[in-house]
PDB file of N, CA and C in Angstrom:
ATOM      1  N   MET A   1       4.829   0.058 -12.429  1.00  0.00           N
ATOM      2  CA  MET A   1       5.538   0.637 -12.691  1.00  0.00           C
ATOM      3  C   MET A   1       6.486   1.573 -11.846  1.00  0.00           C
ATOM      4  N   ALA A   2       5.877   2.297 -10.913  1.00  0.00           N
ATOM      5  CA  ALA A   2       6.109   3.514 -10.562  1.00  0.00           C
ATOM      6  C   ALA A   2       6.703   2.471  -9.001  1.00  0.00           C
ATOM      7  N   LEU A   3       6.860   1.338  -8.727  1.00  0.00           N
ATOM      8  CA  LEU A   3       7.335   0.334  -7.704  1.00  0.00           C
ATOM      9  C   LEU A   3       8.331  -0.167  -7.924  1.00  0.00           C
ATOM     10  N   ARG A   4       8.662  -0.168  -9.455  1.00  0.00           N
ATOM     11  CA  ARG A   4       9.774  -0.816 -10.318  1.00  0.00           C
ATOM     12  C   ARG A   4      11.026   0.371 -10.140  1.00  0.00           C
ATOM     13  N   MET A   5      10.606   1.302 -10.480  1.00  0.00           N
ATOM     14  CA  MET A   5      11.230   2.772 -10.630  1.00  0.00           C
ATOM     15  C   MET A   5      11.920   3.020  -9.085  1.00  0.00           C
ATOM     16  N   ALA A   6      11.179   2.937  -8.279  1.00  0.00           N
ATOM     17  CA  ALA A   6      11.371   3.474  -6.966  1.00  0.00           C
ATOM     18  C   ALA A   6      12.390   2.553  -6.354  1.00  0.00           C
ATOM     19  N   LEU A   7      12.002   1.453  -6.360  1.00  0.00           N
ATOM     20  CA  LEU A   7      12.895   0.611  -5.965  1.00  0.00           C
ATOM     21  C   LEU A   7      14.233   0.192  -6.783  1.00  0.00           C
ATOM     22  N   ASN A   8      14.532   0.509  -7.970  1.00  0.00           N
ATOM     23  CA  ASN A   8      15.827   0.418  -8.702  1.00  0.00           C
ATOM     24  C   ASN A   8      16.519   2.022  -8.694  1.00  0.00           C
ATOM     25  N   HIS A   9      15.674   2.676  -8.265  1.00  0.00           N
ATOM     26  CA  HIS A   9      16.395   4.182  -7.898  1.00  0.00           C
ATOM     27  C   HIS A   9      15.733   4.625  -6.605  1.00  0.00           C
ATOM     28  N   PRO A  10      16.014   4.046  -5.216  1.00  0.00           N
ATOM     29  CA  PRO A  10      15.496   4.632  -4.325  1.00  0.00           C
ATOM     30  C   PRO A  10      16.700   5.909  -3.854  1.00  0.00           C
ATOM     31  N   ASP A  11      17.356   6.102  -4.212  1.00  0.00           N
ATOM     32  CA  ASP A  11      17.898   7.515  -3.524  1.00  0.00           C
ATOM     33  C   ASP A  11      17.413   8.736  -4.354  1.00  0.00           C
ATOM     34  N   ARG A  12      16.288   8.523  -5.537  1.00  0.00           N
ATOM     35  CA  ARG A  12      15.629   9.536  -6.236  1.00  0.00           C
ATOM     36  C   ARG A  12      14.460   9.934  -5.642  1.00  0.00           C
ATOM     37  N   PHE A  13      13.948   8.762  -5.119  1.00  0.00           N
ATOM     38  CA  PHE A  13      12.514   8.951  -4.363  1.00  0.00           C
ATOM     39  C   PHE A  13      11.918   9.300  -2.696  1.00  0.00           C
ATOM     40  N   ALA A  14      10.963   9.968  -2.705  1.00  0.00           N
ATOM     41  CA  ALA A  14      10.773   9.961  -1.062  1.00  0.00           C
ATOM     42  C   ALA A  14      10.206   8.882  -0.477  1.00  0.00           C
ATOM     43  N   GLY A  15       9.522   8.423  -1.739  1.00  0.00           N
ATOM     44  CA  GLY A  15       8.358   6.931  -1.207  1.00  0.00           C
ATOM     45  C   GLY A  15       7.578   6.572  -2.634  1.00  0.00           C
ATOM     46  N   ALA A  16       7.069   5.222  -2.942  1.00  0.00           N
ATOM     47  CA  ALA A  16       6.397   4.747  -3.665  1.00  0.00           C
ATOM     48  C   ALA A  16       5.309   4.274  -3.211  1.00  0.00           C
ATOM     49  N   VAL A  17       4.213   4.483  -4.239  1.00  0.00           N
ATOM     50  CA  VAL A  17       3.327   4.165  -4.274  1.00  0.00           C
ATOM     51  C   VAL A  17       2.936   3.267  -5.345  1.00  0.00           C
ATOM     52  N   SER A  18       1.626   1.526  -4.976  1.00  0.00           N
ATOM     53  CA  SER A  18       1.136   1.188  -5.799  1.00  0.00           C
ATOM     54  C   SER A  18      -0.311   0.969  -5.255  1.00  0.00           C
ATOM     55  N   ILE A  19      -1.104   1.213  -6.279  1.00  0.00           N
ATOM     56  CA  ILE A  19      -2.798   1.039  -6.194  1.00  0.00           C
ATOM     57  C   ILE A  19      -2.861  -0.346  -7.615  1.00  0.00           C
ATOM     58  N   GLY A  20      -3.094  -1.254  -6.376  1.00  0.00           N
ATOM     59  CA  GLY A  20      -3.665  -2.620  -7.584  1.00  0.00           C
ATOM     60  C   GLY A  20      -2.440  -3.166  -8.257  1.00  0.00           C
ATOM     61  N   GLY A  21      -1.471  -2.960  -7.988  1.00  0.00           N
ATOM     62  CA  GLY A  21      -0.647  -3.846  -9.143  1.00  0.00           C
ATOM     63  C   GLY A  21       0.651  -4.688  -7.945  1.00  0.00           C
ATOM     64  N   PRO A  22       0.635  -5.630  -8.694  1.00  0.00           N
ATOM     65  CA  PRO A  22       1.819  -6.822  -7.988  1.00  0.00           C
ATOM     66  C   PRO A  22       2.988  -6.145  -7.839  1.00  0.00           C
ATOM     67  N   PHE A  23       3.944  -7.001  -7.190  1.00  0.00           N
ATOM     68  CA  PHE A  23       5.535  -6.682  -7.008  1.00  0.00           C
ATOM     69  C   PHE A  23       5.832  -7.157  -8.413  1.00  0.00           C
ATOM     70  N   PRO A  24       7.128  -5.868  -9.178  1.00  0.00           N
ATOM     71  CA  PRO A  24       7.493  -6.754 -10.234  1.00  0.00           C
ATOM     72  C   PRO A  24       8.268  -7.542 -10.280  1.00  0.00           C
ATOM     73  N   GLN A  25       8.582  -8.471 -11.434  1.00  0.00           N
ATOM     74  CA  GLN A  25       8.854  -9.562 -11.744  1.00  0.00           C
ATOM     75  C   GLN A  25       9.905  -9.181 -12.625  1.00  0.00           C
ATOM     76  N   GLY A  26      11.040 -10.101 -12.889  1.00  0.00           N
ATOM     77  CA  GLY A  26      12.204  -9.816 -13.827  1.00  0.00           C
ATOM     78  C   GLY A  26      13.174  -8.471 -13.849  1.00  0.00           C
ATOM     79  N   GLU A  27      14.328  -8.414 -14.032  1.00  0.00           N
ATOM     80  CA  GLU A  27      15.478  -7.162 -13.813  1.00  0.00           C
ATOM     81  C   GLU A  27      15.596  -7.114 -12.302  1.00  0.00           C
ATOM     82  N   ALA A  28      15.533  -7.990 -11.725  1.00  0.00           N
ATOM     83  CA  ALA A  28      16.027  -7.917 -10.927  1.00  0.00           C
ATOM     84  C   ALA A  28      15.324  -6.571  -9.630  1.00  0.00           C
ATOM     85  N   PRO A  29      14.471  -6.196  -9.140  1.00  0.00           N
ATOM     86  CA  PRO A  29      13.582  -4.966  -8.417  1.00  0.00           C
ATOM     87  C   PRO A  29      14.306  -5.041  -7.730  1.00  0.00           C
ATOM     88  N   LEU A  30      14.900  -6.223  -6.927  1.00  0.00           N
ATOM     89  CA  LEU A  30      15.904  -5.773  -5.106  1.00  0.00           C
ATOM     90  C   LEU A  30      17.237  -5.767  -5.304  1.00  0.00           C
ATOM     91  N   ARG A  31      17.953  -5.010  -6.845  1.00  0.00           N
ATOM     92  CA  ARG A  31      19.110  -5.052  -6.849  1.00  0.00           C
ATOM     93  C   ARG A  31      19.749  -3.763  -5.716  1.00  0.00           C
ATOM     94  N   CYS A  32      18.945  -3.011  -5.576  1.00  0.00           N
ATOM     95  CA  CYS A  32      18.915  -2.071  -4.596  1.00  0.00           C
ATOM     96  C   CYS A  32      19.036  -2.323  -2.892  1.00  0.00           C
ATOM     97  N   LEU A  33      18.676  -2.943  -2.800  1.00  0.00           N
ATOM     98  CA  LEU A  33      17.708  -3.563  -1.440  1.00  0.00           C
ATOM     99  C   LEU A  33      18.377  -2.866  -0.474  1.00  0.00           C
ATOM    100  N   LYS A  34      19.720  -2.565  -0.070  1.00  0.00           N
ATOM    101  CA  LYS A  34      19.933  -2.262   0.546  1.00  0.00           C
ATOM    102  C   LYS A  34      19.435  -0.195   1.582  1.00  0.00           C
ATOM    103  N   GLN A  35      19.526   0.434  -0.185  1.00  0.00           N
ATOM    104  CA  GLN A  35      18.956   1.618  -0.175  1.00  0.00           C
ATOM    105  C   GLN A  35      17.423   1.542  -0.407  1.00  0.00           C
ATOM    106  N   ALA A  36      17.011   0.727  -0.478  1.00  0.00           N
ATOM    107  CA  ALA A  36      15.190   0.172  -0.963  1.00  0.00           C
ATOM    108  C   ALA A  36      14.556   0.196   1.005  1.00  0.00           C
ATOM    109  N   ARG A  37      15.693  -0.013   1.655  1.00  0.00           N
ATOM    110  CA  ARG A  37      14.710  -0.326   2.648  1.00  0.00           C
ATOM    111  C   ARG A  37      14.516   0.891   3.412  1.00  0.00           C
ATOM    112  N   ASN A  38      15.356   2.114   3.199  1.00  0.00           N
ATOM    113  CA  ASN A  38      14.745   3.151   3.727  1.00  0.00           C
ATOM    114  C   ASN A  38      13.648   4.044   3.092  1.00  0.00           C
ATOM    115  N   LEU A  39      13.385   3.264   2.191  1.00  0.00           N
ATOM    116  CA  LEU A  39      12.189   4.075   1.055  1.00  0.00           C
ATOM    117  C   LEU A  39      10.671   3.409   1.724  1.00  0.00           C
ATOM    118  N   PRO A  40      10.178   4.711   2.011  1.00  0.00           N
ATOM    119  CA  PRO A  40       8.582   4.441   2.454  1.00  0.00           C
ATOM    120  C   PRO A  40       7.440   3.631   1.000  1.00  0.00           C
ATOM    121  N   ILE A  41       6.608   2.670   1.555  1.00  0.00           N
ATOM    122  CA  ILE A  41       6.393   2.336   0.349  1.00  0.00           C
ATOM    123  C   ILE A  41       4.815   1.886   0.553  1.00  0.00           C
ATOM    124  N   PHE A  42       3.738   2.394   0.031  1.00  0.00           N
ATOM    125  CA  PHE A  42       2.291   2.726  -0.244  1.00  0.00           C
ATOM    126  C   PHE A  42       1.716   1.379  -1.151  1.00  0.00           C
ATOM    127  N   LEU A  43       1.275   0.168  -0.444  1.00  0.00           N
ATOM    128  CA  LEU A  43       0.623  -0.516  -1.265  1.00  0.00           C
ATOM    129  C   LEU A  43      -1.013  -0.922  -1.060  1.00  0.00           C
ATOM    130  N   ALA A  44      -2.101  -0.665  -1.645  1.00  0.00           N
ATOM    131  CA  ALA A  44      -3.163  -0.810  -2.260  1.00  0.00           C
ATOM    132  C   ALA A  44      -3.588  -1.734  -2.910  1.00  0.00           C
ATOM    133  N   GLN A  45      -4.069  -3.154  -2.111  1.00  0.00           N
ATOM    134  CA  GLN A  45      -4.780  -4.080  -2.478  1.00  0.00           C
ATOM    135  C   GLN A  45      -6.197  -4.138  -2.714  1.00  0.00           C
ATOM    136  N   CYS A  46      -6.744  -4.523  -3.744  1.00  0.00           N
ATOM    137  CA  CYS A  46      -8.152  -4.656  -3.796  1.00  0.00           C
ATOM    138  C   CYS A  46      -8.652  -6.353  -3.254  1.00  0.00           C
ATOM    139  N   ARG A  47      -9.898  -6.150  -2.579  1.00  0.00           N
ATOM    140  CA  ARG A  47      -9.945  -7.670  -2.435  1.00  0.00           C
ATOM    141  C   ARG A  47     -10.595  -8.224  -3.353  1.00  0.00           C
ATOM    142  N   ASP A  48     -11.190  -7.820  -4.171  1.00  0.00           N
ATOM    143  CA  ASP A  48     -11.991  -8.684  -5.082  1.00  0.00           C
ATOM    144  C   ASP A  48     -11.158  -8.272  -6.144  1.00  0.00           C
ATOM    145  N   SER A  49     -10.149  -8.461  -6.704  1.00  0.00           N
ATOM    146  CA  SER A  49      -9.382  -7.638  -7.988  1.00  0.00           C
ATOM    147  C   SER A  49      -9.013  -9.329  -8.948  1.00  0.00           C
ATOM    148  N   LEU A  50      -9.228  -9.312  -9.766  1.00  0.00           N
ATOM    149  CA  LEU A  50      -9.124 -10.439 -10.944  1.00  0.00           C
ATOM    150  C   LEU A  50      -7.835 -10.674 -10.903  1.00  0.00           C
ATOM    151  N   ASP A  51      -7.016  -9.457 -11.090  1.00  0.00           N
ATOM    152  CA  ASP A  51      -5.726  -9.157 -11.469  1.00  0.00           C
ATOM    153  C   ASP A  51      -4.722  -9.661 -10.553  1.00  0.00           C
ATOM    154  N   TYR A  52      -4.930  -9.033  -9.131  1.00  0.00           N
ATOM    155  CA  TYR A  52      -4.303  -9.051  -8.344  1.00  0.00           C
ATOM    156  C   TYR A  52      -4.430  -9.533  -6.883  1.00  0.00           C
ATOM    157  N   SER A  53      -4.421 -10.922  -6.814  1.00  0.00           N
ATOM    158  CA  SER A  53      -5.301 -11.694  -5.700  1.00  0.00           C
ATOM    159  C   SER A  53      -4.922 -11.537  -4.220  1.00  0.00           C
ATOM    160  N   ILE A  54      -5.624 -11.681  -3.836  1.00  0.00           N
ATOM    161  CA  ILE A  54      -4.993 -11.976  -2.040  1.00  0.00           C
ATOM    162  C   ILE A  54      -4.106 -12.782  -1.960  1.00  0.00           C
ATOM    163  N   ASP A  55      -3.982 -14.455  -2.428  1.00  0.00           N
ATOM    164  CA  ASP A  55      -2.700 -15.426  -2.144  1.00  0.00           C
ATOM    165  C   ASP A  55      -1.620 -14.299  -2.688  1.00  0.00           C
ATOM    166  N   THR A  56      -1.990 -13.369  -3.696  1.00  0.00           N
ATOM    167  CA  THR A  56      -0.663 -12.961  -4.415  1.00  0.00           C
ATOM    168  C   THR A  56      -0.021 -11.381  -3.465  1.00  0.00           C
ATOM    169  N   ALA A  57      -0.841 -10.787  -3.365  1.00  0.00           N
ATOM    170  CA  ALA A  57      -0.920 -10.199  -2.025  1.00  0.00           C
ATOM    171  C   ALA A  57       0.375 -10.600  -0.732  1.00  0.00           C
ATOM    172  N   CYS A  58      -0.428 -12.021  -0.261  1.00  0.00           N
ATOM    173  CA  CYS A  58       0.065 -12.664   0.875  1.00  0.00           C
ATOM    174  C   CYS A  58       1.522 -13.196   0.477  1.00  0.00           C
ATOM    175  N   GLU A  59       1.598 -13.133  -0.346  1.00  0.00           N
ATOM    176  CA  GLU A  59       2.690 -13.783  -0.516  1.00  0.00           C
ATOM    177  C   GLU A  59       3.980 -12.317  -0.694  1.00  0.00           C
ATOM    178  N   GLU A  60       3.555 -11.468  -1.636  1.00  0.00           N
ATOM    179  CA  GLU A  60       4.305 -10.630  -1.674  1.00  0.00           C
ATOM    180  C   GLU A  60       4.528  -9.299   0.077  1.00  0.00           C
ATOM    181  N   LEU A  61       3.401  -9.715   0.268  1.00  0.00           N
ATOM    182  CA  LEU A  61       3.764  -9.163   1.796  1.00  0.00           C
ATOM    183  C   LEU A  61       4.978 -10.294   3.130  1.00  0.00           C
ATOM    184  N   ARG A  62       5.295 -11.257   2.627  1.00  0.00           N
ATOM    185  CA  ARG A  62       6.086 -11.969   2.701  1.00  0.00           C
ATOM    186  C   ARG A  62       7.149 -11.735   2.303  1.00  0.00           C
ATOM    187  N   LEU A  63       7.540 -11.454   1.611  1.00  0.00           N
ATOM    188  CA  LEU A  63       9.048 -10.524   0.253  1.00  0.00           C
ATOM    189  C   LEU A  63       8.909 -10.005   0.901  1.00  0.00           C
ATOM    190  N   PHE A  64       8.608  -8.673   1.575  1.00  0.00           N
ATOM    191  CA  PHE A  64       8.695  -7.274   1.633  1.00  0.00           C
ATOM    192  C   PHE A  64       9.121  -7.659   3.212  1.00  0.00           C
ATOM    193  N   HIS A  65       8.415  -8.662   4.033  1.00  0.00           N
ATOM    194  CA  HIS A  65       9.101  -8.953   5.508  1.00  0.00           C
ATOM    195  C   HIS A  65      10.365  -9.222   5.357  1.00  0.00           C
ATOM    196  N   ILE A  66      10.836 -10.430   4.710  1.00  0.00           N
ATOM    197  CA  ILE A  66      12.285 -11.134   4.614  1.00  0.00           C
ATOM    198  C   ILE A  66      12.833 -10.199   3.787  1.00  0.00           C
ATOM    199  N   ALA A  67      12.604  -9.339   3.186  1.00  0.00           N
ATOM    200  CA  ALA A  67      13.601  -7.937   2.491  1.00  0.00           C
ATOM    201  C   ALA A  67      13.890  -6.907   3.511  1.00  0.00           C
ATOM    202  N   GLY A  68      12.768  -6.888   5.001  1.00  0.00           N
ATOM    203  CA  GLY A  68      13.063  -5.523   5.007  1.00  0.00           C
ATOM    204  C   GLY A  68      12.950  -4.216   4.758  1.00  0.00           C
ATOM    205  N   LEU A  69      11.912  -4.693   4.345  1.00  0.00           N
ATOM    206  CA  LEU A  69      11.083  -3.219   3.469  1.00  0.00           C
ATOM    207  C   LEU A  69      10.218  -2.338   4.699  1.00  0.00           C
ATOM    208  N   GLN A  70      10.098  -0.714   4.163  1.00  0.00           N
ATOM    209  CA  GLN A  70       9.297  -0.681   4.855  1.00  0.00           C
ATOM    210  C   GLN A  70       7.672  -0.558   4.037  1.00  0.00           C
ATOM    211  N   ALA A  71       6.823  -1.101   4.418  1.00  0.00           N
ATOM    212  CA  ALA A  71       5.395  -1.428   3.123  1.00  0.00           C
ATOM    213  C   ALA A  71       4.505  -0.851   4.366  1.00  0.00           C
ATOM    214  N   SER A  72       3.863   0.219   3.912  1.00  0.00           N
ATOM    215  CA  SER A  72       2.331   0.276   4.421  1.00  0.00           C
ATOM    216  C   SER A  72       1.356  -0.628   3.336  1.00  0.00           C
ATOM    217  N   ILE A  73       0.920  -1.762   4.032  1.00  0.00           N
ATOM    218  CA  ILE A  73      -0.382  -2.605   3.113  1.00  0.00           C
ATOM    219  C   ILE A  73      -1.747  -2.480   3.438  1.00  0.00           C
ATOM    220  N   ARG A  74      -2.267  -2.116   2.541  1.00  0.00           N
ATOM    221  CA  ARG A  74      -4.073  -1.710   3.233  1.00  0.00           C
ATOM    222  C   ARG A  74      -5.097  -2.762   2.055  1.00  0.00           C
ATOM    223  N   GLN A  75      -5.821  -3.302   2.546  1.00  0.00           N
ATOM    224  CA  GLN A  75      -6.438  -3.916   1.393  1.00  0.00           C
ATOM    225  C   GLN A  75      -8.203  -3.473   1.884  1.00  0.00           C
ATOM    226  N   TYR A  76      -8.757  -3.501   0.316  1.00  0.00           N
ATOM    227  CA  TYR A  76     -10.261  -2.860   0.153  1.00  0.00           C
ATOM    228  C   TYR A  76     -11.052  -3.293  -0.329  1.00  0.00           C
ATOM    229  N   PRO A  77     -12.458  -3.505   0.194  1.00  0.00           N
ATOM    230  CA  PRO A  77     -12.929  -3.926  -0.221  1.00  0.00           C
ATOM    231  C   PRO A  77     -13.481  -3.673  -1.557  1.00  0.00           C
ATOM    232  N   CYS A  78     -13.350  -3.859  -2.802  1.00  0.00           N
ATOM    233  CA  CYS A  78     -13.894  -3.255  -4.265  1.00  0.00           C
ATOM    234  C   CYS A  78     -12.723  -4.276  -4.929  1.00  0.00           C
ATOM    235  N   GLY A  79     -13.331  -4.310  -6.180  1.00  0.00           N
ATOM    236  CA  GLY A  79     -12.430  -4.931  -7.292  1.00  0.00           C
ATOM    237  C   GLY A  79     -11.112  -4.113  -7.537  1.00  0.00           C
ATOM    238  N   ASN A  80     -11.332  -3.785  -8.724  1.00  0.00           N
ATOM    239  CA  ASN A  80      -9.846  -3.102 -10.214  1.00  0.00           C
ATOM    240  C   ASN A  80      -9.978  -1.564  -9.659  1.00  0.00           C
ATOM    241  N   GLU A  81     -11.635  -0.983  -9.150  1.00  0.00           N
ATOM    242  CA  GLU A  81     -11.429   0.476  -8.790  1.00  0.00           C
ATOM    243  C   GLU A  81     -10.864   1.128  -7.199  1.00  0.00           C
ATOM    244  N   LEU A  82     -10.492   2.938  -7.625  1.00  0.00           N
ATOM    245  CA  LEU A  82     -10.230   3.102  -6.653  1.00  0.00           C
ATOM    246  C   LEU A  82     -11.523   3.948  -5.610  1.00  0.00           C
ATOM    247  N   ASP A  83     -11.409   3.358  -4.540  1.00  0.00           N
ATOM    248  CA  ASP A  83     -12.478   4.019  -3.850  1.00  0.00           C
ATOM    249  C   ASP A  83     -12.195   5.146  -2.490  1.00  0.00           C
ATOM    250  N   THR A  84     -13.285   5.979  -2.009  1.00  0.00           N
ATOM    251  CA  THR A  84     -13.058   7.199  -1.547  1.00  0.00           C
ATOM    252  C   THR A  84     -11.908   6.982  -0.106  1.00  0.00           C
ATOM    253  N   GLN A  85     -12.515   5.796   0.107  1.00  0.00           N
ATOM    254  CA  GLN A  85     -11.422   5.393   1.676  1.00  0.00           C
ATOM    255  C   GLN A  85      -9.628   4.912   0.943  1.00  0.00           C
ATOM    256  N   MET A  86      -9.641   4.756   0.103  1.00  0.00           N
ATOM    257  CA  MET A  86      -8.456   4.427  -0.494  1.00  0.00           C
ATOM    258  C   MET A  86      -7.749   5.749  -0.445  1.00  0.00           C
ATOM    259  N   LEU A  87      -7.975   6.495  -1.606  1.00  0.00           N
ATOM    260  CA  LEU A  87      -7.877   8.048  -1.637  1.00  0.00           C
ATOM    261  C   LEU A  87      -7.554   8.402  -0.098  1.00  0.00           C
ATOM    262  N   ALA A  88      -8.517   8.014   0.423  1.00  0.00           N
ATOM    263  CA  ALA A  88      -7.777   8.803   1.906  1.00  0.00           C
ATOM    264  C   ALA A  88      -6.780   8.432   2.743  1.00  0.00           C
ATOM    265  N   ASP A  89      -6.737   6.977   2.656  1.00  0.00           N
ATOM    266  CA  ASP A  89      -5.458   6.714   3.266  1.00  0.00           C
ATOM    267  C   ASP A  89      -4.128   6.876   2.762  1.00  0.00           C
ATOM    268  N   LEU A  90      -4.521   7.175   1.653  1.00  0.00           N
ATOM    269  CA  LEU A  90      -3.044   7.354   0.084  1.00  0.00           C
ATOM    270  C   LEU A  90      -2.674   8.883   0.361  1.00  0.00           C
ATOM    271  N   ASP A  91      -3.780   9.570   1.139  1.00  0.00           N
ATOM    272  CA  ASP A  91      -3.686  10.973   1.664  1.00  0.00           C
ATOM    273  C   ASP A  91      -3.106  10.915   2.339  1.00  0.00           C
ATOM    274  N   ALA A  92      -2.883  10.394   3.417  1.00  0.00           N
ATOM    275  CA  ALA A  92      -2.878  10.481   4.917  1.00  0.00           C
ATOM    276  C   ALA A  92      -1.685   9.839   4.670  1.00  0.00           C
ATOM    277  N   TRP A  93      -1.442   8.606   4.048  1.00  0.00           N
ATOM    278  CA  TRP A  93       0.089   8.428   4.102  1.00  0.00           C
ATOM    279  C   TRP A  93       0.941   8.983   3.640  1.00  0.00           C
ATOM    280  N   ILE A  94       0.657  10.074   2.286  1.00  0.00           N
ATOM    281  CA  ILE A  94       1.535  10.923   1.923  1.00  0.00           C
ATOM    282  C   ILE A  94       1.821  12.145   2.757  1.00  0.00           C
ATOM    283  N   MET A  95       0.423  12.638   3.329  1.00  0.00           N
ATOM    284  CA  MET A  95       1.089  13.248   4.782  1.00  0.00           C
ATOM    285  C   MET A  95       2.110  12.778   5.682  1.00  0.00           C
ATOM    286  N   GLU A  96       1.944  11.896   6.444  1.00  0.00           N
ATOM    287  CA  GLU A  96       2.733  11.387   7.071  1.00  0.00           C
ATOM    288  C   GLU A  96       3.938  11.490   6.630  1.00  0.00           C
ATOM    289  N   GLN A  97       4.487  10.853   5.240  1.00  0.00           N
ATOM    290  CA  GLN A  97       6.209  10.921   4.860  1.00  0.00           C
ATOM    291  C   GLN A  97       6.642  12.173   4.501  1.00  0.00           C
ATOM    292  N   ILE A  98       5.513  13.628   4.535  1.00  0.00           N
ATOM    293  CA  ILE A  98       6.093  14.628   4.171  1.00  0.00           C
ATOM    294  C   ILE A  98       6.023  15.572   5.747  1.00  0.00           C
ATOM    295  N   THR A  99       5.540  15.433   6.426  1.00  0.00           N
ATOM    296  CA  THR A  99       5.477  15.842   7.421  1.00  0.00           C
ATOM    297  C   THR A  99       6.134  15.148   9.187  1.00  0.00           C
ATOM    298  N   GLY A 100       5.939  14.010   8.842  1.00  0.00           N
ATOM    299  CA  GLY A 100       6.097  12.978   9.414  1.00  0.00           C
ATOM    300  C   GLY A 100       5.352  12.691  11.103  1.00  0.00           C
ATOM    301  N   VAL A 101       4.196  13.738  11.036  1.00  0.00           N
ATOM    302  CA  VAL A 101       3.275  13.592  11.882  1.00  0.00           C
ATOM    303  C   VAL A 101       2.152  12.301  11.157  1.00  0.00           C
ATOM    304  N   VAL A 102       1.537  11.503  12.603  1.00  0.00           N
ATOM    305  CA  VAL A 102       1.006  10.049  12.362  1.00  0.00           C
ATOM    306  C   VAL A 102      -0.684  10.823  12.474  1.00  0.00           C
ATOM    307  N   ALA A 103      -1.389  10.433  11.493  1.00  0.00           N
ATOM    308  CA  ALA A 103      -2.446  10.767  11.693  1.00  0.00           C
ATOM    309  C   ALA A 103      -3.754   9.841  12.894  1.00  0.00           C
ATOM    310  N   ALA A 104      -4.155  10.472  12.826  1.00  0.00           N
ATOM    311  CA  ALA A 104      -5.244   9.941  14.210  1.00  0.00           C
ATOM    312  C   ALA A 104      -6.273   8.901  13.561  1.00  0.00           C
ATOM    313  N   GLU A 105      -6.354   7.575  14.025  1.00  0.00           N
ATOM    314  CA  GLU A 105      -7.294   6.872  13.642  1.00  0.00           C
ATOM    315  C   GLU A 105      -8.220   7.576  13.504  1.00  0.00           C
ATOM    316  N   PRO A 106      -9.175   6.655  11.687  1.00  0.00           N
ATOM    317  CA  PRO A 106      -9.944   7.331  11.213  1.00  0.00           C
ATOM    318  C   PRO A 106     -11.336   7.089  12.451  1.00  0.00           C
ATOM    319  N   HIS A 107     -12.059   7.883  12.619  1.00  0.00           N
ATOM    320  CA  HIS A 107     -12.925   7.754  13.743  1.00  0.00           C
ATOM    321  C   HIS A 107     -14.381   7.216  12.566  1.00  0.00           C
ATOM    322  N   PHE A 108     -14.999   6.008  12.790  1.00  0.00           N
ATOM    323  CA  PHE A 108     -16.192   5.681  12.026  1.00  0.00           C
ATOM    324  C   PHE A 108     -17.300   5.209  12.693  1.00  0.00           C
ATOM    325  N   PRO A 109     -18.262   6.123  12.639  1.00  0.00           N
ATOM    326  CA  PRO A 109     -19.473   6.200  13.319  1.00  0.00           C
ATOM    327  C   PRO A 109     -20.169   4.608  13.802  1.00  0.00           C
ATOM    328  N   ALA A 110     -20.858   4.553  14.548  1.00  0.00           N
ATOM    329  CA  ALA A 110     -21.209   3.109  15.475  1.00  0.00           C
ATOM    330  C   ALA A 110     -21.657   3.068  14.146  1.00  0.00           C
ATOM    331  N   PRO A 111     -22.118   1.598  14.523  1.00  0.00           N
ATOM    332  CA  PRO A 111     -23.325   1.088  13.809  1.00  0.00           C
ATOM    333  C   PRO A 111     -24.649   1.147  14.007  1.00  0.00           C
ATOM    334  N   TRP A 112     -25.905   1.302  13.320  1.00  0.00           N
ATOM    335  CA  TRP A 112     -27.256   1.345  13.938  1.00  0.00           C
ATOM    336  C   TRP A 112     -27.511   0.353  14.603  1.00  0.00           C
ATOM    337  N   PRO A 113     -28.227   0.826  16.375  1.00  0.00           N
ATOM    338  CA  PRO A 113     -28.285  -0.642  17.066  1.00  0.00           C
ATOM    339  C   PRO A 113     -29.636  -1.653  16.313  1.00  0.00           C
ATOM    340  N   GLN A 114     -29.580  -2.482  16.735  1.00  0.00           N
ATOM    341  CA  GLN A 114     -30.173  -3.731  16.270  1.00  0.00           C
ATOM    342  C   GLN A 114     -31.844  -3.290  16.471  1.00  0.00           C
ATOM    343  N   GLY A 115     -32.792  -3.562  15.600  1.00  0.00           N
ATOM    344  CA  GLY A 115     -34.243  -3.560  16.058  1.00  0.00           C
ATOM    345  C   GLY A 115     -34.541  -1.988  15.695  1.00  0.00           C
ATOM    346  N   GLU A 116     -33.659  -1.058  15.251  1.00  0.00           N
ATOM    347  CA  GLU A 116     -34.142   0.031  15.649  1.00  0.00           C
ATOM    348  C   GLU A 116     -34.269   0.545  13.939  1.00  0.00           C
ATOM    349  N   GLU A 117     -35.123   1.420  13.454  1.00  0.00           N
ATOM    350  CA  GLU A 117     -34.919   2.049  11.854  1.00  0.00           C
ATOM    351  C   GLU A 117     -35.429   3.718  11.901  1.00  0.00           C
ATOM    352  N   ASN A 118     -35.214   4.013  11.090  1.00  0.00           N
ATOM    353  CA  ASN A 118     -35.286   5.535  10.796  1.00  0.00           C
ATOM    354  C   ASN A 118     -36.850   6.047  10.783  1.00  0.00           C
TER     355      ASN A 118
END
């Protein structure tokens, strides 16, 4: 619903977030395409979701590319739930939209060396 509202009224929103929801169908969601191209969009897709499959997300990625929309698309190793990495990425994206400063890439600790135990 957030994505539908933002695409229908891109002049009223600074951006849109969709977590685990597919692209809106029906009612001409791209009728304001020219203005919507300036709308930053964050899409989060859960890899193991039964409601929003990887295939659907890939089809929508093509649509976003062809339409010229500004979308940051992320996929997470979860079902239909929020996880901490998703929320951290969303927080960083929102702060980037507000400040214009791109956050540094997250630092992930190196994996345990093979053959060593605690």
